[in-house]
Amino acid sequence: MRLRKILTHVGFILTLTLMVNACAFAQNVYNVDDFGAKGDGRKVNTQAIQQAIDKCHENGGGSVVFNVGKYVSGTIYLKSNVTLHLDNGVVLMGSGDVSHYPDQQSDLPTYNQKGLTSKSLIYAEGQENIGLTGGGVIDGQGAEIDLNSKRTTYQSPSFKYRPRIVHLRSCTNVLLDGITLRNSGSWVQTYQECKNLRIHSITVDSRENTDVNADTRESSVLHRNTDGLDIVDCEYVWVNDSYINSGDDGICIKSFSPDKHCRNITVSNCHVSSMASAIKIGTETAGQITDVVIQNCTVFDTWGEGLAIMSVDGATVQRINISNIVLRNVRRSPIFIRLHTRNNRYGNYEYSNKPKLEDIIMDNIQGNQLSGLGSSISGIEGYAIRNVRLSRINFEVEGNDLAEIPTTVKEKKKGYPKGDMFGSVLPAYGFYVRHVDNLFFDDVHLRTQGTDPRPAFVIESSKNIGVNQGKDLIDTKPNEIIQIQ
């Protein structure tokens, strides 16, 4: 009885403490209009919004809020203990003037230039306890910025010329909740070397060309490289219950640093449509990418790969679990797993690691309206992919009434990794396998729409391959090719 009273008393104290803290935090609310901002869709409010963020940070943290309206801004800098909160009806609009987005210098490596972080609407580095929340919209106005540039070429890296919407680096305890990100000028959102990153119930709508069945993704407008979500060398990441419709890769897990780790990442209950790869590990893969779970997602209307896993710049990619995925209308390979030695280097790094790609499980993957290109699992000579299991796979692919089946597939040890890197069709309509050790296909069902003379499986220069729970493992000699119907 006495213990119950003590516990009740303790519970009351904890509840009271939480209420007091909540009330104290609720008082730290800063409205950008009080600092001179106007949500009229015309005035550039960069200075006023930054003043609100700075004041909130200086006073111990809280929320920076907006009245209903359209607030135009250039680059703003999030600071520790500050949440930018946009209610329904609030639109934070990126300025259409690219000069309002200064380049950011950083010691962290970037895409292909030393010390250059480049342009972003919302930027933070080395901050903690920051967030973007609410039911409002952040509109990068990428189309307007792009038209102002009057470009005729691809421009790479895109974020050197056109801003991302969000770029956070070396930040801890980051929350995105409920927000909509649309119409970016470049990668929509990038998180690099962050820890404890939670992305919940967000919408990304940034797609230049919506016609996935067009001959080229740039058939109507120039490609802006608008990746939906890039996670680079981050640890402890949760992405869930989100919708991503992107003009380039949808969800990407990357590594720029050969001495860093991208790990403990879960992606759950997401819907992804992309004009490149939908859910992808890579392309940039320099360090270690391990302990990744991707589950309960739908992929649809995607121009590139449905699911892609790769190590091409020296990364150790290991312990990847992908399950309960539905694919529909994927125009390149439904599944693409690739190891080779492109060995791009980023930032100030002057070395590459020896790559590994192993311990991959894919389970319960279904798909229809899949390209007749075929899926591939391929290493290169001297670098085998190891320990892969694909189970409960059910694919219906488009048939190819080929006059001649391709028999020679170049290794392309340094080529850009994508499903059609070996040609417009693979030797198998199902899976082409080369330089793989210990691969099992369990309960795999493959069929074509219409006729296709290719076999379901082609296995080359591999060992310990099991197909549909076969008792006898398949080994091939170098350059020996085995076909399985």
Protein backbone atom coordinates (compact mmCIF):
# COMPACT_ATOMS: atom_id res chain seq x y z
CA MET A 1 0.00 0.00 0.00
CA ARG A 2 2.79 2.34 0.94
CA LEU A 3 4.61 1.44 -2.29
CA ARG A 4 1.48 2.27 -4.30
CA LYS A 5 1.27 5.71 -2.65
CA ILE A 6 4.97 6.34 -3.35
CA LEU A 7 4.55 5.35 -7.02
CA THR A 8 1.43 7.50 -7.31
CA HIS A 9 3.31 10.43 -5.81
CA VAL A 10 6.25 9.90 -8.15
CA GLY A 11 3.89 9.65 -11.11
CA PHE A 12 2.21 12.89 -10.10
CA ILE A 13 5.57 14.66 -9.83
CA LEU A 14 6.67 13.36 -13.26
CA THR A 15 3.38 14.42 -14.84
CA LEU A 16 3.59 17.85 -13.23
CA THR A 17 7.20 18.22 -14.37
CA LEU A 18 6.28 17.34 -17.93
CA MET A 19 3.37 19.81 -17.86
CA VAL A 20 5.59 22.56 -16.52
CA ASN A 21 8.24 21.85 -19.13
CA ALA A 22 5.61 21.74 -21.87
CA CYS A 23 4.16 25.06 -20.74
CA ALA A 24 7.61 26.61 -20.57
CA PHE A 25 8.42 25.33 -24.04
CA ALA A 26 5.06 26.51 -25.41
CA GLN A 27 5.89 30.04 -24.25
CA ASN A 28 8.98 30.05 -26.48
CA VAL A 29 7.06 30.65 -29.68
CA TYR A 30 8.30 33.27 -32.12
CA ASN A 31 6.11 34.49 -34.95
CA VAL A 32 8.10 35.65 -37.96
CA ASP A 33 5.60 38.48 -38.56
CA ASP A 34 6.77 40.04 -35.29
CA PHE A 35 10.20 40.39 -36.90
CA GLY A 36 8.87 42.10 -40.02
CA ALA A 37 7.99 39.17 -42.27
CA LYS A 38 5.01 39.30 -44.60
CA GLY A 39 3.27 36.32 -46.11
CA ASP A 40 2.19 38.11 -49.27
CA GLY A 41 4.12 35.93 -51.74
CA ARG A 42 6.26 38.89 -52.82
CA LYS A 43 8.44 40.24 -50.04
CA VAL A 44 11.73 38.39 -49.48
CA ASN A 45 11.70 37.56 -45.78
CA THR A 46 15.12 35.95 -45.33
CA GLN A 47 16.35 38.45 -42.73
CA ALA A 48 13.13 38.45 -40.68
CA ILE A 49 12.87 34.66 -40.55
CA GLN A 50 16.54 34.37 -39.59
CA GLN A 51 16.08 36.92 -36.80
CA ALA A 52 13.21 34.87 -35.38
CA ILE A 53 15.34 31.70 -35.49
CA ASP A 54 18.29 33.46 -33.87
CA LYS A 55 16.17 34.93 -31.07
CA CYS A 56 14.53 31.57 -30.39
CA HIS A 57 17.96 29.90 -30.24
CA GLU A 58 19.43 32.59 -27.97
CA ASN A 59 16.56 32.20 -25.51
CA GLY A 60 16.97 28.46 -25.12
CA GLY A 61 14.90 27.16 -28.00
CA GLY A 62 11.28 26.70 -28.99
CA SER A 63 9.23 27.10 -32.16
CA VAL A 64 9.34 29.60 -34.98
CA VAL A 65 5.89 29.91 -36.52
CA PHE A 66 4.16 31.63 -39.44
CA ASN A 67 0.71 33.07 -40.04
CA VAL A 68 -1.28 31.62 -42.92
CA GLY A 69 0.26 32.96 -46.12
CA LYS A 70 3.13 32.62 -48.59
CA TYR A 71 6.54 33.62 -47.25
CA VAL A 72 9.38 34.06 -49.75
CA SER A 73 12.92 33.50 -48.50
CA GLY A 74 16.50 32.82 -49.48
CA THR A 75 18.83 30.63 -47.42
CA ILE A 76 17.94 30.40 -43.71
CA TYR A 77 20.01 28.63 -41.06
CA LEU A 78 18.39 26.36 -38.47
CA LYS A 79 20.03 26.48 -35.03
CA SER A 80 20.03 24.19 -32.01
CA ASN A 81 16.77 23.67 -30.12
CA VAL A 82 14.70 25.43 -32.79
CA THR A 83 11.76 23.88 -34.64
CA LEU A 84 10.43 25.59 -37.74
CA HIS A 85 6.69 24.93 -37.58
CA LEU A 86 4.42 25.48 -40.57
CA ASP A 87 0.71 24.97 -39.97
CA ASN A 88 -1.78 24.11 -42.70
CA GLY A 89 -2.12 27.07 -45.03
CA VAL A 90 1.49 28.20 -44.58
CA VAL A 91 3.82 28.05 -47.60
CA LEU A 92 7.51 28.83 -47.24
CA MET A 93 8.64 29.65 -50.77
CA GLY A 94 12.19 29.67 -52.01
CA SER A 95 13.19 32.86 -53.73
CA GLY A 96 13.34 32.66 -57.50
CA ASP A 97 16.64 34.59 -57.43
CA VAL A 98 19.57 32.16 -57.23
CA SER A 99 21.78 34.91 -55.74
CA HIS A 100 19.72 34.58 -52.53
CA TYR A 101 21.36 31.18 -51.92
CA PRO A 102 25.04 31.59 -51.02
CA ASP A 103 27.39 28.63 -51.31
CA GLN A 104 28.12 26.96 -47.99
CA GLN A 105 31.68 25.97 -47.17
CA SER A 106 32.30 22.83 -45.13
CA ASP A 107 35.01 20.30 -44.36
CA LEU A 108 32.61 17.45 -45.03
CA PRO A 109 32.95 15.86 -48.48
CA THR A 110 30.43 16.64 -51.15
CA TYR A 111 29.57 15.23 -54.53
CA ASN A 112 32.63 15.99 -56.63
CA GLN A 113 34.31 19.14 -55.35
CA LYS A 114 36.41 19.77 -52.26
CA GLY A 115 34.94 21.92 -49.51
CA LEU A 116 31.76 22.85 -51.36
CA THR A 117 28.38 22.23 -49.78
CA SER A 118 26.56 24.53 -52.22
CA LYS A 119 23.09 25.98 -52.18
CA SER A 120 20.07 25.22 -50.02
CA LEU A 121 16.91 26.93 -48.80
CA ILE A 122 17.24 25.50 -45.26
CA TYR A 123 20.74 24.70 -44.00
CA ALA A 124 22.26 23.59 -40.70
CA GLU A 125 25.60 22.12 -39.68
CA GLY A 126 26.67 20.95 -36.24
CA GLN A 127 23.29 21.71 -34.62
CA GLU A 128 21.10 19.59 -32.33
CA ASN A 129 17.43 19.23 -31.49
CA ILE A 130 16.10 20.82 -34.66
CA GLY A 131 13.00 20.16 -36.69
CA LEU A 132 10.59 21.00 -39.50
CA THR A 133 7.01 20.21 -38.51
CA GLY A 134 3.38 20.93 -39.28
CA GLY A 135 1.01 20.43 -42.16
CA GLY A 136 2.40 23.29 -44.24
CA VAL A 137 4.42 23.36 -47.45
CA ILE A 138 8.00 24.26 -48.33
CA ASP A 139 8.12 25.09 -52.04
CA GLY A 140 11.61 25.36 -53.51
CA GLN A 141 10.35 27.11 -56.66
CA GLY A 142 12.89 25.06 -58.56
CA ALA A 143 11.13 25.52 -61.88
CA GLU A 144 11.32 29.30 -61.59
CA ILE A 145 14.98 29.22 -60.59
CA ASP A 146 15.72 26.85 -63.45
CA LEU A 147 13.98 29.04 -66.00
CA ASN A 148 15.93 32.04 -64.73
CA SER A 149 19.20 30.19 -65.38
CA LYS A 150 18.32 29.67 -69.06
CA ARG A 151 20.46 26.56 -69.09
CA THR A 152 20.78 24.17 -71.98
CA THR A 153 23.02 21.55 -70.29
CA TYR A 154 22.67 19.12 -67.40
CA GLN A 155 24.86 21.07 -64.90
CA SER A 156 26.56 18.78 -62.40
CA PRO A 157 26.45 18.75 -59.49
CA SER A 158 23.03 20.33 -59.73
CA PHE A 159 23.16 21.84 -56.23
CA LYS A 160 26.13 23.97 -57.23
CA TYR A 161 23.76 25.90 -59.49
CA ARG A 162 20.29 25.33 -58.03
CA PRO A 163 19.42 24.98 -54.33
CA ARG A 164 18.21 21.97 -52.43
CA ILE A 165 15.26 22.57 -50.13
CA VAL A 166 16.84 21.03 -47.00
CA HIS A 167 20.50 20.27 -46.29
CA LEU A 168 21.52 19.25 -42.76
CA ARG A 169 25.04 18.12 -41.85
CA SER A 170 26.55 16.77 -38.62
CA CYS A 171 23.29 17.40 -36.78
CA THR A 172 21.89 15.35 -33.89
CA ASN A 173 18.23 14.76 -33.00
CA VAL A 174 16.48 15.89 -36.16
CA LEU A 175 12.73 15.62 -36.76
CA LEU A 176 10.69 16.12 -39.92
CA ASP A 177 7.01 15.53 -39.29
CA GLY A 178 4.01 16.16 -41.51
CA ILE A 179 5.69 18.66 -43.80
CA THR A 180 5.37 18.79 -47.61
CA LEU A 181 8.45 19.48 -49.74
CA ARG A 182 7.81 20.31 -53.37
CA ASN A 183 9.33 21.72 -56.54
CA SER A 184 13.02 21.62 -55.60
CA GLY A 185 15.81 23.05 -57.71
CA SER A 186 18.05 20.06 -56.95
CA TRP A 187 18.14 17.19 -54.44
CA VAL A 188 15.04 17.78 -52.34
CA GLN A 189 16.59 16.93 -48.96
CA THR A 190 20.04 15.74 -47.90
CA TYR A 191 21.18 14.60 -44.46
CA GLN A 192 24.90 13.98 -44.03
CA GLU A 193 26.63 12.57 -40.95
CA CYS A 194 23.52 13.15 -38.85
CA LYS A 195 22.48 11.03 -35.86
CA ASN A 196 18.99 10.28 -34.59
CA LEU A 197 17.13 11.40 -37.70
CA ARG A 198 13.36 10.86 -37.78
CA ILE A 199 11.35 11.50 -40.93
CA HIS A 200 7.67 10.83 -40.37
CA SER A 201 4.61 11.30 -42.53
CA ILE A 202 6.13 13.74 -45.01
CA THR A 203 5.22 14.33 -48.64
CA VAL A 204 7.77 14.95 -51.37
CA ASP A 205 6.37 16.12 -54.69
CA SER A 206 9.19 17.25 -56.95
CA ARG A 207 9.05 15.73 -60.40
CA GLU A 208 9.93 17.59 -63.57
CA ASN A 209 8.55 15.03 -66.02
CA THR A 210 5.58 13.00 -64.85
CA ASP A 211 5.39 10.65 -67.87
CA VAL A 212 7.29 7.53 -66.81
CA ASN A 213 6.57 5.88 -70.15
CA ALA A 214 8.20 8.65 -72.21
CA ASP A 215 11.29 7.74 -74.24
CA THR A 216 13.44 9.99 -72.08
CA ARG A 217 12.95 11.56 -68.67
CA GLU A 218 13.91 14.90 -70.21
CA SER A 219 11.39 14.71 -73.02
CA SER A 220 9.34 17.67 -71.78
CA VAL A 221 11.62 19.59 -69.38
CA LEU A 222 15.28 19.58 -68.46
CA HIS A 223 16.22 17.18 -65.68
CA ARG A 224 16.98 18.97 -62.36
CA ASN A 225 18.34 15.95 -60.44
CA THR A 226 15.60 16.17 -57.81
CA ASP A 227 16.31 13.17 -55.58
CA GLY A 228 13.50 12.73 -53.07
CA LEU A 229 15.60 11.85 -50.01
CA ASP A 230 19.37 11.37 -49.63
CA ILE A 231 20.78 9.86 -46.43
CA VAL A 232 24.58 10.14 -46.42
CA ASP A 233 26.78 8.58 -43.73
CA CYS A 234 24.03 8.89 -41.09
CA GLU A 235 23.34 6.71 -38.05
CA TYR A 236 20.05 5.83 -36.36
CA VAL A 237 17.55 6.86 -39.02
CA TRP A 238 13.80 6.24 -39.14
CA VAL A 239 11.84 7.00 -42.35
CA ASN A 240 8.21 6.00 -42.22
CA ASP A 241 4.67 6.62 -43.48
CA SER A 242 5.81 8.98 -46.24
CA TYR A 243 5.03 9.62 -49.91
CA ILE A 244 7.85 10.44 -52.30
CA ASN A 245 7.35 11.42 -55.94
CA SER A 246 10.72 12.50 -57.31
CA GLY A 247 12.34 13.57 -60.56
CA ASP A 248 15.44 11.50 -59.82
CA ASP A 249 16.14 8.73 -57.29
CA GLY A 250 13.43 8.36 -54.66
CA ILE A 251 15.05 7.21 -51.40
CA CYS A 252 18.85 6.97 -51.51
CA ILE A 253 21.26 5.71 -48.87
CA LYS A 254 24.80 6.86 -49.66
CA SER A 255 28.32 7.22 -48.33
CA PHE A 256 30.83 9.92 -49.30
CA SER A 257 33.46 9.14 -46.66
CA PRO A 258 35.56 5.94 -46.69
CA ASP A 259 36.10 6.22 -42.90
CA LYS A 260 32.44 6.80 -41.97
CA HIS A 261 29.49 4.52 -41.31
CA CYS A 262 25.94 4.78 -42.65
CA ARG A 263 24.02 2.34 -40.45
CA ASN A 264 21.00 1.44 -38.35
CA ILE A 265 18.46 2.70 -40.86
CA THR A 266 14.83 1.68 -41.25
CA VAL A 267 12.48 2.65 -44.08
CA SER A 268 8.88 1.55 -43.51
CA ASN A 269 5.40 2.06 -44.94
CA CYS A 270 6.40 4.42 -47.74
CA HIS A 271 5.05 4.97 -51.26
CA VAL A 272 7.71 5.83 -53.83
CA SER A 273 7.53 6.87 -57.49
CA SER A 274 10.64 8.03 -59.28
CA MET A 275 12.09 9.05 -62.60
CA ALA A 276 15.25 7.10 -61.72
CA SER A 277 15.70 4.38 -59.05
CA ALA A 278 12.91 4.20 -56.48
CA ILE A 279 14.69 2.75 -53.41
CA LYS A 280 18.45 2.62 -53.73
CA ILE A 281 21.67 2.06 -51.83
CA GLY A 282 24.12 4.17 -53.83
CA THR A 283 25.26 5.43 -56.19
CA GLU A 284 27.93 7.12 -54.04
CA THR A 285 29.29 4.29 -51.85
CA ALA A 286 32.64 5.07 -50.24
CA GLY A 287 32.44 3.95 -46.59
CA GLN A 288 30.32 1.36 -44.78
CA ILE A 289 26.58 0.96 -45.29
CA THR A 290 25.27 -1.67 -42.90
CA ASP A 291 22.24 -2.77 -40.92
CA VAL A 292 19.48 -1.44 -43.16
CA VAL A 293 15.84 -2.57 -43.04
CA ILE A 294 13.39 -1.60 -45.80
CA GLN A 295 9.88 -2.97 -45.44
CA ASN A 296 6.20 -2.59 -46.29
CA CYS A 297 6.62 -0.18 -49.21
CA THR A 298 5.03 0.29 -52.61
CA VAL A 299 7.02 1.31 -55.69
CA PHE A 300 5.15 2.44 -58.78
CA ASP A 301 5.54 4.37 -62.06
CA THR A 302 9.32 4.33 -61.85
CA TRP A 303 11.62 5.00 -64.81
CA GLY A 304 14.70 3.30 -63.36
CA GLU A 305 15.22 0.42 -60.96
CA GLY A 306 12.65 -0.67 -58.42
CA LEU A 307 15.16 -1.85 -55.80
CA ALA A 308 18.89 -1.23 -56.19
CA ILE A 309 21.82 -2.21 -53.95
CA MET A 310 25.39 -1.45 -54.94
CA SER A 311 28.95 -0.95 -53.84
CA VAL A 312 30.98 0.81 -56.51
CA ASP A 313 33.31 3.25 -54.67
CA GLY A 314 34.87 0.88 -52.15
CA ALA A 315 32.04 0.55 -49.63
CA THR A 316 31.28 -2.41 -47.41
CA VAL A 317 27.56 -2.93 -47.92
CA GLN A 318 26.34 -5.57 -45.53
CA ARG A 319 23.28 -6.86 -43.69
CA ILE A 320 20.54 -5.40 -45.86
CA ASN A 321 17.00 -6.72 -45.29
CA ILE A 322 14.25 -5.81 -47.76
CA SER A 323 10.78 -7.30 -47.36
CA ASN A 324 7.11 -6.90 -48.23
CA ILE A 325 7.54 -4.71 -51.30
CA VAL A 326 5.13 -4.29 -54.22
CA LEU A 327 6.46 -3.05 -57.57
CA ARG A 328 4.28 -1.76 -60.41
CA ASN A 329 5.30 -0.24 -63.74
CA VAL A 330 9.09 -0.27 -63.34
CA ARG A 331 10.82 0.59 -66.60
CA ARG A 332 14.34 -0.73 -65.90
CA SER A 333 15.42 -3.63 -63.68
CA PRO A 334 12.99 -4.61 -60.91
CA ILE A 335 16.01 -5.73 -58.82
CA PHE A 336 19.58 -4.57 -59.43
CA ILE A 337 22.46 -5.69 -57.20
CA ARG A 338 25.93 -4.62 -58.31
CA LEU A 339 29.53 -4.60 -57.06
CA HIS A 340 32.39 -3.07 -59.03
CA THR A 341 35.39 -0.75 -58.73
CA ARG A 342 34.47 2.67 -60.09
CA ASN A 343 36.18 4.10 -56.95
CA ASN A 344 35.06 7.70 -57.15
CA ARG A 345 36.51 9.80 -54.32
CA TYR A 346 34.79 12.67 -52.58
CA GLY A 347 36.04 15.77 -50.80
CA ASN A 348 39.65 15.57 -49.59
CA TYR A 349 39.87 11.79 -49.48
CA GLU A 350 42.73 10.34 -51.51
CA TYR A 351 42.01 6.63 -51.07
CA SER A 352 39.32 4.02 -51.62
CA ASN A 353 38.53 0.89 -49.63
CA LYS A 354 38.29 -2.65 -50.94
CA PRO A 355 34.58 -3.16 -51.68
CA LYS A 356 32.30 -5.79 -50.21
CA LEU A 357 28.66 -6.56 -50.91
CA GLU A 358 27.27 -9.38 -48.81
CA ASP A 359 24.53 -10.64 -46.51
CA ILE A 360 21.51 -9.46 -48.46
CA ILE A 361 17.98 -10.77 -47.83
CA MET A 362 14.98 -9.94 -50.00
CA ASP A 363 11.68 -11.54 -49.09
CA ASN A 364 8.09 -11.28 -50.34
CA ILE A 365 8.60 -9.01 -53.34
CA GLN A 366 5.82 -8.88 -55.94
CA GLY A 367 5.63 -6.97 -59.19
CA ASN A 368 3.78 -6.56 -62.46
CA GLN A 369 4.13 -4.27 -65.47
CA LEU A 370 7.85 -4.83 -65.08
CA SER A 371 10.30 -4.04 -67.85
CA GLY A 372 11.49 -6.91 -70.01
CA LEU A 373 15.09 -5.80 -69.41
CA GLY A 374 15.52 -8.32 -66.58
CA SER A 375 17.08 -8.18 -63.12
CA SER A 376 20.77 -8.70 -62.39
CA ILE A 377 23.02 -9.68 -59.50
CA SER A 378 26.60 -9.16 -60.62
CA GLY A 379 30.06 -8.64 -59.23
CA ILE A 380 33.28 -8.51 -61.22
CA GLU A 381 36.23 -10.86 -61.43
CA GLY A 382 38.00 -10.93 -58.07
CA TYR A 383 35.08 -9.24 -56.28
CA ALA A 384 32.18 -11.62 -55.78
CA ILE A 385 28.88 -10.69 -54.18
CA ARG A 386 28.35 -13.05 -51.25
CA ASN A 387 25.51 -14.49 -49.21
CA VAL A 388 22.30 -13.38 -50.91
CA ARG A 389 18.85 -14.89 -50.46
CA LEU A 390 15.77 -13.99 -52.50
CA SER A 391 12.58 -15.66 -51.34
CA ARG A 392 8.90 -15.43 -52.22
CA ILE A 393 9.48 -13.47 -55.42
CA ASN A 394 6.53 -13.16 -57.80
CA PHE A 395 7.26 -11.16 -60.98
CA GLU A 396 5.36 -10.68 -64.21
CA VAL A 397 7.60 -9.03 -66.80
CA GLU A 398 6.99 -7.79 -70.29
CA GLY A 399 8.08 -10.25 -72.93
CA ASN A 400 10.67 -9.52 -75.61
CA ASP A 401 10.20 -11.35 -78.90
CA LEU A 402 13.91 -11.23 -79.66
CA ALA A 403 15.40 -12.46 -82.91
CA GLU A 404 18.67 -13.07 -81.08
CA ILE A 405 19.35 -13.56 -77.38
CA PRO A 406 22.39 -11.66 -76.06
CA THR A 407 25.10 -14.07 -74.94
CA THR A 408 28.08 -11.83 -74.21
CA VAL A 409 27.80 -9.38 -71.33
CA LYS A 410 30.73 -7.04 -70.76
CA GLU A 411 31.87 -6.68 -67.14
CA LYS A 412 32.12 -2.86 -67.17
CA LYS A 413 34.22 -2.68 -64.01
CA LYS A 414 33.95 1.10 -63.78
CA GLY A 415 30.70 1.92 -65.58
CA TYR A 416 27.84 3.89 -64.10
CA PRO A 417 25.77 1.29 -62.21
CA LYS A 418 22.23 0.94 -63.49
CA GLY A 419 20.04 -1.82 -64.79
CA ASP A 420 20.67 -1.24 -68.49
CA MET A 421 24.44 -0.78 -68.15
CA PHE A 422 24.91 -4.14 -69.92
CA GLY A 423 22.49 -3.39 -72.75
CA SER A 424 18.80 -2.95 -73.45
CA VAL A 425 18.05 -6.57 -72.51
CA LEU A 426 19.84 -9.14 -70.36
CA PRO A 427 20.35 -12.80 -71.33
CA ALA A 428 17.59 -13.79 -68.87
CA TYR A 429 14.13 -12.29 -68.52
CA GLY A 430 14.25 -13.06 -64.81
CA PHE A 431 17.73 -12.93 -63.24
CA TYR A 432 21.19 -12.68 -64.75
CA VAL A 433 23.82 -13.78 -62.18
CA ARG A 434 27.60 -13.39 -62.46
CA HIS A 435 30.46 -13.45 -59.93
CA VAL A 436 28.26 -14.39 -56.99
CA ASP A 437 29.08 -16.83 -54.18
CA ASN A 438 26.30 -18.36 -52.08
CA LEU A 439 23.03 -17.18 -53.64
CA PHE A 440 19.68 -18.83 -53.01
CA PHE A 441 16.41 -18.31 -54.87
CA ASP A 442 13.59 -19.76 -52.79
CA ASP A 443 9.97 -19.89 -53.98
CA VAL A 444 10.61 -17.65 -56.99
CA HIS A 445 7.87 -17.37 -59.63
CA LEU A 446 8.65 -15.60 -62.90
CA ARG A 447 6.46 -15.22 -65.96
CA THR A 448 6.30 -13.05 -69.06
CA GLN A 449 3.52 -11.22 -70.83
CA GLY A 450 3.73 -12.63 -74.33
CA THR A 451 6.55 -14.70 -75.75
CA ASP A 452 10.18 -14.40 -74.76
CA PRO A 453 12.88 -16.83 -75.92
CA ARG A 454 15.18 -16.09 -72.99
CA PRO A 455 15.48 -18.39 -69.98
CA ALA A 456 14.34 -17.34 -66.54
CA PHE A 457 17.86 -17.60 -65.04
CA VAL A 458 21.33 -17.27 -66.52
CA ILE A 459 24.21 -18.03 -64.15
CA GLU A 460 27.80 -17.31 -65.06
CA SER A 461 31.14 -17.56 -63.20
CA SER A 462 29.42 -18.18 -59.85
CA LYS A 463 29.32 -20.88 -57.18
CA ASN A 464 26.99 -22.21 -54.53
CA ILE A 465 23.83 -21.11 -56.33
CA GLY A 466 20.52 -22.69 -55.35
CA VAL A 467 17.33 -22.20 -57.36
CA ASN A 468 13.89 -22.84 -55.88
CA GLN A 469 15.16 -24.96 -53.01
CA GLY A 470 17.15 -27.24 -55.28
CA LYS A 471 19.11 -29.83 -53.34
CA ASP A 472 22.12 -29.61 -55.62
CA LEU A 473 23.98 -26.31 -55.62
CA ILE A 474 25.08 -24.96 -58.96
CA ASP A 475 28.72 -24.12 -59.59
CA THR A 476 29.96 -22.69 -62.85
CA LYS A 477 33.47 -22.62 -64.14
CA PRO A 478 34.95 -19.28 -65.25
CA ASN A 479 33.09 -18.09 -68.34
CA GLU A 480 30.73 -21.08 -68.19
CA ILE A 481 27.07 -20.15 -68.62
CA ILE A 482 24.16 -22.17 -67.26
CA GLN A 483 20.56 -21.49 -68.27
CA ILE A 484 17.52 -22.46 -66.20
CA GLN A 485 14.02 -22.24 -67.60
